[in-house]
Amino acid sequence: MGRGGALDEMTSGHEPAGDTSAAAGGGHEVVGQATAGHGAAGHDEHGAEEELGPVDYGAWAAGILGVALGLLTAACFALATSPVGR
């Protein structure tokens, strides 16, 4: 077969539950699909039990230093190109 494989290989495990005949609505049920599997509020509960790791102070310090140096560079460019210092 060409690219993509056979249809039954691609859809196995994804068969709709219940009757999908034209009399049953053709499987185009819209009601309740937006929150299916996400509880009443629609929130995703994956990873809710995982704890956060420790704070990486070195990474935060490097990030803050990078932002500070970027602001300093921008201030130097603004000062160098402004008519105030001439």
PDB file of N, CA and C in Angstrom:
ATOM      1  N   MET A   1       0.842  -1.182   0.000  1.00  0.00           N
ATOM      2  CA  MET A   1       0.000   0.000   0.000  1.00  0.00           C
ATOM      3  C   MET A   1       0.881   1.236   0.000  1.00  0.00           C
ATOM      4  N   GLY A   2       0.357   2.362  -0.385  1.00  0.00           N
ATOM      5  CA  GLY A   2       1.096   3.619  -0.462  1.00  0.00           C
ATOM      6  C   GLY A   2       1.351   4.220   0.905  1.00  0.00           C
ATOM      7  N   ARG A   3       1.548   5.472   0.933  1.00  0.00           N
ATOM      8  CA  ARG A   3       1.848   6.182   2.179  1.00  0.00           C
ATOM      9  C   ARG A   3       0.674   6.135   3.143  1.00  0.00           C
ATOM     10  N   GLY A   4       0.967   6.017   4.421  1.00  0.00           N
ATOM     11  CA  GLY A   4      -0.075   6.105   5.433  1.00  0.00           C
ATOM     12  C   GLY A   4      -0.595   4.777   5.921  1.00  0.00           C
ATOM     13  N   GLY A   5      -0.408   3.706   5.195  1.00  0.00           N
ATOM     14  CA  GLY A   5      -0.882   2.400   5.633  1.00  0.00           C
ATOM     15  C   GLY A   5      -2.358   2.214   5.376  1.00  0.00           C
ATOM     16  N   ALA A   6      -2.849   1.064   5.812  1.00  0.00           N
ATOM     17  CA  ALA A   6      -4.253   0.718   5.597  1.00  0.00           C
ATOM     18  C   ALA A   6      -5.144   1.484   6.565  1.00  0.00           C
ATOM     19  N   LEU A   7      -6.383   1.686   6.173  1.00  0.00           N
ATOM     20  CA  LEU A   7      -7.320   2.446   6.984  1.00  0.00           C
ATOM     21  C   LEU A   7      -7.583   1.778   8.316  1.00  0.00           C
ATOM     22  N   ASP A   8      -7.735   0.433   8.325  1.00  0.00           N
ATOM     23  CA  ASP A   8      -8.055  -0.229   9.583  1.00  0.00           C
ATOM     24  C   ASP A   8      -6.893  -0.161  10.566  1.00  0.00           C
ATOM     25  N   GLU A   9      -5.652  -0.051  10.094  1.00  0.00           N
ATOM     26  CA  GLU A   9      -4.521   0.111  10.995  1.00  0.00           C
ATOM     27  C   GLU A   9      -4.559   1.488  11.641  1.00  0.00           C
ATOM     28  N   MET A  10      -4.967   2.493  10.903  1.00  0.00           N
ATOM     29  CA  MET A  10      -4.967   3.857  11.414  1.00  0.00           C
ATOM     30  C   MET A  10      -6.111   4.108  12.379  1.00  0.00           C
ATOM     31  N   THR A  11      -7.232   3.409  12.223  1.00  0.00           N
ATOM     32  CA  THR A  11      -8.393   3.679  13.064  1.00  0.00           C
ATOM     33  C   THR A  11      -8.601   2.647  14.146  1.00  0.00           C
ATOM     34  N   SER A  12      -7.792   1.596  14.209  1.00  0.00           N
ATOM     35  CA  SER A  12      -7.979   0.595  15.257  1.00  0.00           C
ATOM     36  C   SER A  12      -7.685   1.240  16.596  1.00  0.00           C
ATOM     37  N   GLY A  13      -8.525   0.968  17.565  1.00  0.00           N
ATOM     38  CA  GLY A  13      -8.374   1.582  18.876  1.00  0.00           C
ATOM     39  C   GLY A  13      -9.065   2.922  18.981  1.00  0.00           C
ATOM     40  N   HIS A  14      -9.578   3.422  17.892  1.00  0.00           N
ATOM     41  CA  HIS A  14     -10.264   4.711  17.899  1.00  0.00           C
ATOM     42  C   HIS A  14     -11.698   4.564  17.402  1.00  0.00           C
ATOM     43  N   GLU A  15     -12.201   3.364  17.440  1.00  0.00           N
ATOM     44  CA  GLU A  15     -13.566   3.139  16.993  1.00  0.00           C
ATOM     45  C   GLU A  15     -14.528   3.802  17.967  1.00  0.00           C
ATOM     46  N   PRO A  16     -15.563   4.460  17.466  1.00  0.00           N
ATOM     47  CA  PRO A  16     -16.526   5.107  18.352  1.00  0.00           C
ATOM     48  C   PRO A  16     -17.343   4.081  19.121  1.00  0.00           C
ATOM     49  N   ALA A  17     -17.650   4.404  20.356  1.00  0.00           N
ATOM     50  CA  ALA A  17     -18.481   3.537  21.167  1.00  0.00           C
ATOM     51  C   ALA A  17     -19.943   3.815  20.840  1.00  0.00           C
ATOM     52  N   GLY A  18     -20.717   2.767  20.687  1.00  0.00           N
ATOM     53  CA  GLY A  18     -22.137   2.935  20.439  1.00  0.00           C
ATOM     54  C   GLY A  18     -22.480   2.867  18.965  1.00  0.00           C
ATOM     55  N   ASP A  19     -23.743   3.124  18.653  1.00  0.00           N
ATOM     56  CA  ASP A  19     -24.264   3.025  17.299  1.00  0.00           C
ATOM     57  C   ASP A  19     -23.932   4.296  16.522  1.00  0.00           C
ATOM     58  N   THR A  20     -23.334   4.148  15.351  1.00  0.00           N
ATOM     59  CA  THR A  20     -23.003   5.305  14.520  1.00  0.00           C
ATOM     60  C   THR A  20     -23.822   5.326  13.246  1.00  0.00           C
ATOM     61  N   SER A  21     -24.953   4.667  13.255  1.00  0.00           N
ATOM     62  CA  SER A  21     -25.803   4.655  12.066  1.00  0.00           C
ATOM     63  C   SER A  21     -26.476   6.005  11.877  1.00  0.00           C
ATOM     64  N   ALA A  22     -27.054   6.204  10.721  1.00  0.00           N
ATOM     65  CA  ALA A  22     -27.731   7.471  10.419  1.00  0.00           C
ATOM     66  C   ALA A  22     -28.904   7.701  11.360  1.00  0.00           C
ATOM     67  N   ALA A  23     -29.576   6.639  11.795  1.00  0.00           N
ATOM     68  CA  ALA A  23     -30.709   6.778  12.702  1.00  0.00           C
ATOM     69  C   ALA A  23     -30.264   7.244  14.083  1.00  0.00           C
ATOM     70  N   ALA A  24     -29.048   6.932  14.448  1.00  0.00           N
ATOM     71  CA  ALA A  24     -28.554   7.323  15.773  1.00  0.00           C
ATOM     72  C   ALA A  24     -27.824   8.662  15.736  1.00  0.00           C
ATOM     73  N   GLY A  25     -27.898   9.373  14.649  1.00  0.00           N
ATOM     74  CA  GLY A  25     -27.266  10.680  14.562  1.00  0.00           C
ATOM     75  C   GLY A  25     -25.958  10.648  13.795  1.00  0.00           C
ATOM     76  N   GLY A  26     -25.580   9.500  13.277  1.00  0.00           N
ATOM     77  CA  GLY A  26     -24.374   9.405  12.463  1.00  0.00           C
ATOM     78  C   GLY A  26     -23.088   9.596  13.246  1.00  0.00           C
ATOM     79  N   GLY A  27     -23.139   9.493  14.548  1.00  0.00           N
ATOM     80  CA  GLY A  27     -21.938   9.631  15.349  1.00  0.00           C
ATOM     81  C   GLY A  27     -21.462  11.067  15.484  1.00  0.00           C
ATOM     82  N   HIS A  28     -22.319  12.013  15.177  1.00  0.00           N
ATOM     83  CA  HIS A  28     -21.930  13.419  15.242  1.00  0.00           C
ATOM     84  C   HIS A  28     -22.525  14.089  16.475  1.00  0.00           C
ATOM     85  N   GLU A  29     -22.406  13.422  17.598  1.00  0.00           N
ATOM     86  CA  GLU A  29     -22.904  13.988  18.836  1.00  0.00           C
ATOM     87  C   GLU A  29     -21.978  15.113  19.268  1.00  0.00           C
ATOM     88  N   VAL A  30     -22.532  16.275  19.550  1.00  0.00           N
ATOM     89  CA  VAL A  30     -21.733  17.421  19.949  1.00  0.00           C
ATOM     90  C   VAL A  30     -21.858  17.671  21.443  1.00  0.00           C
ATOM     91  N   VAL A  31     -22.981  17.349  22.017  1.00  0.00           N
ATOM     92  CA  VAL A  31     -23.244  17.640  23.413  1.00  0.00           C
ATOM     93  C   VAL A  31     -22.285  16.847  24.295  1.00  0.00           C
ATOM     94  N   GLY A  32     -21.560  17.527  25.158  1.00  0.00           N
ATOM     95  CA  GLY A  32     -20.697  16.876  26.124  1.00  0.00           C
ATOM     96  C   GLY A  32     -19.319  16.519  25.627  1.00  0.00           C
ATOM     97  N   GLN A  33     -19.007  16.759  24.371  1.00  0.00           N
ATOM     98  CA  GLN A  33     -17.692  16.389  23.869  1.00  0.00           C
ATOM     99  C   GLN A  33     -16.607  17.323  24.362  1.00  0.00           C
ATOM    100  N   ALA A  34     -16.917  18.564  24.613  1.00  0.00           N
ATOM    101  CA  ALA A  34     -15.901  19.531  25.022  1.00  0.00           C
ATOM    102  C   ALA A  34     -15.333  19.203  26.394  1.00  0.00           C
ATOM    103  N   THR A  35     -16.134  18.631  27.267  1.00  0.00           N
ATOM    104  CA  THR A  35     -15.650  18.319  28.609  1.00  0.00           C
ATOM    105  C   THR A  35     -15.487  16.832  28.831  1.00  0.00           C
ATOM    106  N   ALA A  36     -15.556  16.033  27.779  1.00  0.00           N
ATOM    107  CA  ALA A  36     -15.435  14.584  27.940  1.00  0.00           C
ATOM    108  C   ALA A  36     -14.062  14.240  28.491  1.00  0.00           C
ATOM    109  N   GLY A  37     -14.046  13.532  29.616  1.00  0.00           N
ATOM    110  CA  GLY A  37     -12.795  13.108  30.217  1.00  0.00           C
ATOM    111  C   GLY A  37     -12.094  14.184  31.019  1.00  0.00           C
ATOM    112  N   HIS A  38     -12.717  15.337  31.191  1.00  0.00           N
ATOM    113  CA  HIS A  38     -12.067  16.422  31.907  1.00  0.00           C
ATOM    114  C   HIS A  38     -12.865  16.868  33.119  1.00  0.00           C
ATOM    115  N   GLY A  39     -13.786  16.086  33.550  1.00  0.00           N
ATOM    116  CA  GLY A  39     -14.563  16.443  34.730  1.00  0.00           C
ATOM    117  C   GLY A  39     -15.597  17.511  34.428  1.00  0.00           C
ATOM    118  N   ALA A  40     -16.310  17.906  35.457  1.00  0.00           N
ATOM    119  CA  ALA A  40     -17.400  18.866  35.285  1.00  0.00           C
ATOM    120  C   ALA A  40     -16.889  20.254  34.927  1.00  0.00           C
ATOM    121  N   ALA A  41     -15.733  20.635  35.465  1.00  0.00           N
ATOM    122  CA  ALA A  41     -15.225  21.979  35.229  1.00  0.00           C
ATOM    123  C   ALA A  41     -14.434  22.086  33.936  1.00  0.00           C
ATOM    124  N   GLY A  42     -14.083  20.962  33.326  1.00  0.00           N
ATOM    125  CA  GLY A  42     -13.342  20.989  32.082  1.00  0.00           C
ATOM    126  C   GLY A  42     -11.844  21.189  32.277  1.00  0.00           C
ATOM    127  N   HIS A  43     -11.341  21.018  33.499  1.00  0.00           N
ATOM    128  CA  HIS A  43      -9.925  21.200  33.771  1.00  0.00           C
ATOM    129  C   HIS A  43      -9.176  19.902  33.549  1.00  0.00           C
ATOM    130  N   ASP A  44      -7.954  20.011  33.122  1.00  0.00           N
ATOM    131  CA  ASP A  44      -7.120  18.851  32.873  1.00  0.00           C
ATOM    132  C   ASP A  44      -6.441  18.451  34.173  1.00  0.00           C
ATOM    133  N   GLU A  45      -6.606  17.205  34.569  1.00  0.00           N
ATOM    134  CA  GLU A  45      -6.071  16.731  35.843  1.00  0.00           C
ATOM    135  C   GLU A  45      -4.741  16.008  35.694  1.00  0.00           C
ATOM    136  N   HIS A  46      -4.143  15.990  34.501  1.00  0.00           N
ATOM    137  CA  HIS A  46      -2.888  15.290  34.306  1.00  0.00           C
ATOM    138  C   HIS A  46      -1.775  16.003  35.059  1.00  0.00           C
ATOM    139  N   GLY A  47      -0.984  15.246  35.804  1.00  0.00           N
ATOM    140  CA  GLY A  47       0.130  15.824  36.533  1.00  0.00           C
ATOM    141  C   GLY A  47      -0.263  16.529  37.814  1.00  0.00           C
ATOM    142  N   ALA A  48      -1.495  16.355  38.269  1.00  0.00           N
ATOM    143  CA  ALA A  48      -1.947  17.048  39.463  1.00  0.00           C
ATOM    144  C   ALA A  48      -1.258  16.516  40.712  1.00  0.00           C
ATOM    145  N   GLU A  49      -0.745  15.282  40.661  1.00  0.00           N
ATOM    146  CA  GLU A  49      -0.123  14.689  41.832  1.00  0.00           C
ATOM    147  C   GLU A  49       1.390  14.893  41.860  1.00  0.00           C
ATOM    148  N   GLU A  50       1.977  15.450  40.828  1.00  0.00           N
ATOM    149  CA  GLU A  50       3.417  15.645  40.783  1.00  0.00           C
ATOM    150  C   GLU A  50       3.815  16.879  41.592  1.00  0.00           C
ATOM    151  N   GLU A  51       4.914  16.733  42.343  1.00  0.00           N
ATOM    152  CA  GLU A  51       5.418  17.856  43.109  1.00  0.00           C
ATOM    153  C   GLU A  51       6.437  18.621  42.275  1.00  0.00           C
ATOM    154  N   LEU A  52       6.580  19.903  42.568  1.00  0.00           N
ATOM    155  CA  LEU A  52       7.575  20.721  41.892  1.00  0.00           C
ATOM    156  C   LEU A  52       8.942  20.457  42.489  1.00  0.00           C
ATOM    157  N   GLY A  53       9.950  20.603  41.689  1.00  0.00           N
ATOM    158  CA  GLY A  53      11.313  20.414  42.162  1.00  0.00           C
ATOM    159  C   GLY A  53      11.805  21.642  42.907  1.00  0.00           C
ATOM    160  N   PRO A  54      13.037  21.592  43.372  1.00  0.00           N
ATOM    161  CA  PRO A  54      13.592  22.738  44.105  1.00  0.00           C
ATOM    162  C   PRO A  54      13.845  23.920  43.171  1.00  0.00           C
ATOM    163  N   VAL A  55      13.881  25.104  43.737  1.00  0.00           N
ATOM    164  CA  VAL A  55      14.133  26.318  42.965  1.00  0.00           C
ATOM    165  C   VAL A  55      15.604  26.331  42.564  1.00  0.00           C
ATOM    166  N   ASP A  56      15.873  26.578  41.309  1.00  0.00           N
ATOM    167  CA  ASP A  56      17.246  26.664  40.809  1.00  0.00           C
ATOM    168  C   ASP A  56      17.679  28.120  40.890  1.00  0.00           C
ATOM    169  N   TYR A  57      18.314  28.470  42.008  1.00  0.00           N
ATOM    170  CA  TYR A  57      18.693  29.861  42.246  1.00  0.00           C
ATOM    171  C   TYR A  57      19.742  30.349  41.248  1.00  0.00           C
ATOM    172  N   GLY A  58      20.627  29.472  40.817  1.00  0.00           N
ATOM    173  CA  GLY A  58      21.639  29.857  39.835  1.00  0.00           C
ATOM    174  C   GLY A  58      21.011  30.250  38.505  1.00  0.00           C
ATOM    175  N   ALA A  59      19.998  29.493  38.073  1.00  0.00           N
ATOM    176  CA  ALA A  59      19.313  29.812  36.817  1.00  0.00           C
ATOM    177  C   ALA A  59      18.533  31.116  36.929  1.00  0.00           C
ATOM    178  N   TRP A  60      17.874  31.315  38.077  1.00  0.00           N
ATOM    179  CA  TRP A  60      17.142  32.562  38.277  1.00  0.00           C
ATOM    180  C   TRP A  60      18.095  33.757  38.315  1.00  0.00           C
ATOM    181  N   ALA A  61      19.232  33.592  38.973  1.00  0.00           N
ATOM    182  CA  ALA A  61      20.206  34.677  39.039  1.00  0.00           C
ATOM    183  C   ALA A  61      20.751  35.003  37.648  1.00  0.00           C
ATOM    184  N   ALA A  62      21.021  33.961  36.850  1.00  0.00           N
ATOM    185  CA  ALA A  62      21.509  34.192  35.491  1.00  0.00           C
ATOM    186  C   ALA A  62      20.454  34.899  34.646  1.00  0.00           C
ATOM    187  N   GLY A  63      19.202  34.523  34.817  1.00  0.00           N
ATOM    188  CA  GLY A  63      18.125  35.177  34.081  1.00  0.00           C
ATOM    189  C   GLY A  63      17.957  36.628  34.456  1.00  0.00           C
ATOM    190  N   ILE A  64      18.006  36.908  35.752  1.00  0.00           N
ATOM    191  CA  ILE A  64      17.871  38.294  36.218  1.00  0.00           C
ATOM    192  C   ILE A  64      19.065  39.130  35.769  1.00  0.00           C
ATOM    193  N   LEU A  65      20.268  38.545  35.837  1.00  0.00           N
ATOM    194  CA  LEU A  65      21.454  39.243  35.371  1.00  0.00           C
ATOM    195  C   LEU A  65      21.358  39.534  33.872  1.00  0.00           C
ATOM    196  N   GLY A  66      20.851  38.579  33.108  1.00  0.00           N
ATOM    197  CA  GLY A  66      20.687  38.792  31.667  1.00  0.00           C
ATOM    198  C   GLY A  66      19.711  39.909  31.349  1.00  0.00           C
ATOM    199  N   VAL A  67      18.600  39.948  32.074  1.00  0.00           N
ATOM    200  CA  VAL A  67      17.627  41.032  31.866  1.00  0.00           C
ATOM    201  C   VAL A  67      18.244  42.372  32.249  1.00  0.00           C
ATOM    202  N   ALA A  68      18.971  42.409  33.374  1.00  0.00           N
ATOM    203  CA  ALA A  68      19.601  43.663  33.810  1.00  0.00           C
ATOM    204  C   ALA A  68      20.627  44.148  32.783  1.00  0.00           C
ATOM    205  N   LEU A  69      21.441  43.232  32.261  1.00  0.00           N
ATOM    206  CA  LEU A  69      22.422  43.626  31.245  1.00  0.00           C
ATOM    207  C   LEU A  69      21.746  44.083  29.956  1.00  0.00           C
ATOM    208  N   GLY A  70      20.639  43.461  29.613  1.00  0.00           N
ATOM    209  CA  GLY A  70      19.882  43.895  28.434  1.00  0.00           C
ATOM    210  C   GLY A  70      19.317  45.290  28.608  1.00  0.00           C
ATOM    211  N   LEU A  71      18.784  45.574  29.794  1.00  0.00           N
ATOM    212  CA  LEU A  71      18.267  46.917  30.064  1.00  0.00           C
ATOM    213  C   LEU A  71      19.385  47.950  30.083  1.00  0.00           C
ATOM    214  N   LEU A  72      20.535  47.580  30.647  1.00  0.00           N
ATOM    215  CA  LEU A  72      21.684  48.481  30.653  1.00  0.00           C
ATOM    216  C   LEU A  72      22.153  48.780  29.230  1.00  0.00           C
ATOM    217  N   THR A  73      22.186  47.761  28.389  1.00  0.00           N
ATOM    218  CA  THR A  73      22.577  47.947  26.988  1.00  0.00           C
ATOM    219  C   THR A  73      21.591  48.858  26.265  1.00  0.00           C
ATOM    220  N   ALA A  74      20.299  48.649  26.501  1.00  0.00           N
ATOM    221  CA  ALA A  74      19.284  49.502  25.871  1.00  0.00           C
ATOM    222  C   ALA A  74      19.417  50.944  26.347  1.00  0.00           C
ATOM    223  N   ALA A  75      19.698  51.131  27.632  1.00  0.00           N
ATOM    224  CA  ALA A  75      19.877  52.493  28.158  1.00  0.00           C
ATOM    225  C   ALA A  75      21.105  53.157  27.541  1.00  0.00           C
ATOM    226  N   CYS A  76      22.178  52.386  27.362  1.00  0.00           N
ATOM    227  CA  CYS A  76      23.384  52.946  26.735  1.00  0.00           C
ATOM    228  C   CYS A  76      23.114  53.351  25.286  1.00  0.00           C
ATOM    229  N   PHE A  77      22.391  52.528  24.546  1.00  0.00           N
ATOM    230  CA  PHE A  77      22.029  52.891  23.172  1.00  0.00           C
ATOM    231  C   PHE A  77      21.160  54.143  23.143  1.00  0.00           C
ATOM    232  N   ALA A  78      20.216  54.223  24.066  1.00  0.00           N
ATOM    233  CA  ALA A  78      19.340  55.400  24.108  1.00  0.00           C
ATOM    234  C   ALA A  78      20.152  56.661  24.435  1.00  0.00           C
ATOM    235  N   LEU A  79      21.079  56.561  25.364  1.00  0.00           N
ATOM    236  CA  LEU A  79      21.909  57.701  25.716  1.00  0.00           C
ATOM    237  C   LEU A  79      22.840  58.098  24.565  1.00  0.00           C
ATOM    238  N   ALA A  80      23.401  57.095  23.888  1.00  0.00           N
ATOM    239  CA  ALA A  80      24.350  57.369  22.818  1.00  0.00           C
ATOM    240  C   ALA A  80      23.679  57.991  21.597  1.00  0.00           C
ATOM    241  N   THR A  81      22.422  57.713  21.383  1.00  0.00           N
ATOM    242  CA  THR A  81      21.744  58.221  20.190  1.00  0.00           C
ATOM    243  C   THR A  81      20.849  59.415  20.483  1.00  0.00           C
ATOM    244  N   SER A  82      20.770  59.830  21.728  1.00  0.00           N
ATOM    245  CA  SER A  82      19.890  60.973  22.061  1.00  0.00           C
ATOM    246  C   SER A  82      20.656  62.274  21.893  1.00  0.00           C
ATOM    247  N   PRO A  83      19.943  63.341  21.607  1.00  0.00           N
ATOM    248  CA  PRO A  83      20.591  64.649  21.440  1.00  0.00           C
ATOM    249  C   PRO A  83      20.949  65.290  22.785  1.00  0.00           C
ATOM    250  N   VAL A  84      20.641  64.700  23.922  1.00  0.00           N
ATOM    251  CA  VAL A  84      20.880  65.300  25.218  1.00  0.00           C
ATOM    252  C   VAL A  84      22.371  65.414  25.522  1.00  0.00           C
ATOM    253  N   GLY A  85      23.167  64.412  25.163  1.00  0.00           N
ATOM    254  CA  GLY A  85      24.572  64.415  25.520  1.00  0.00           C
ATOM    255  C   GLY A  85      25.458  65.156  24.525  1.00  0.00           C
ATOM    256  N   ARG A  86      24.939  65.810  23.566  1.00  0.00           N
ATOM    257  CA  ARG A  86      25.765  66.453  22.540  1.00  0.00           C
ATOM    258  C   ARG A  86      26.007  67.876  22.829  1.00  0.00           C
TER     259      ARG A  86
END
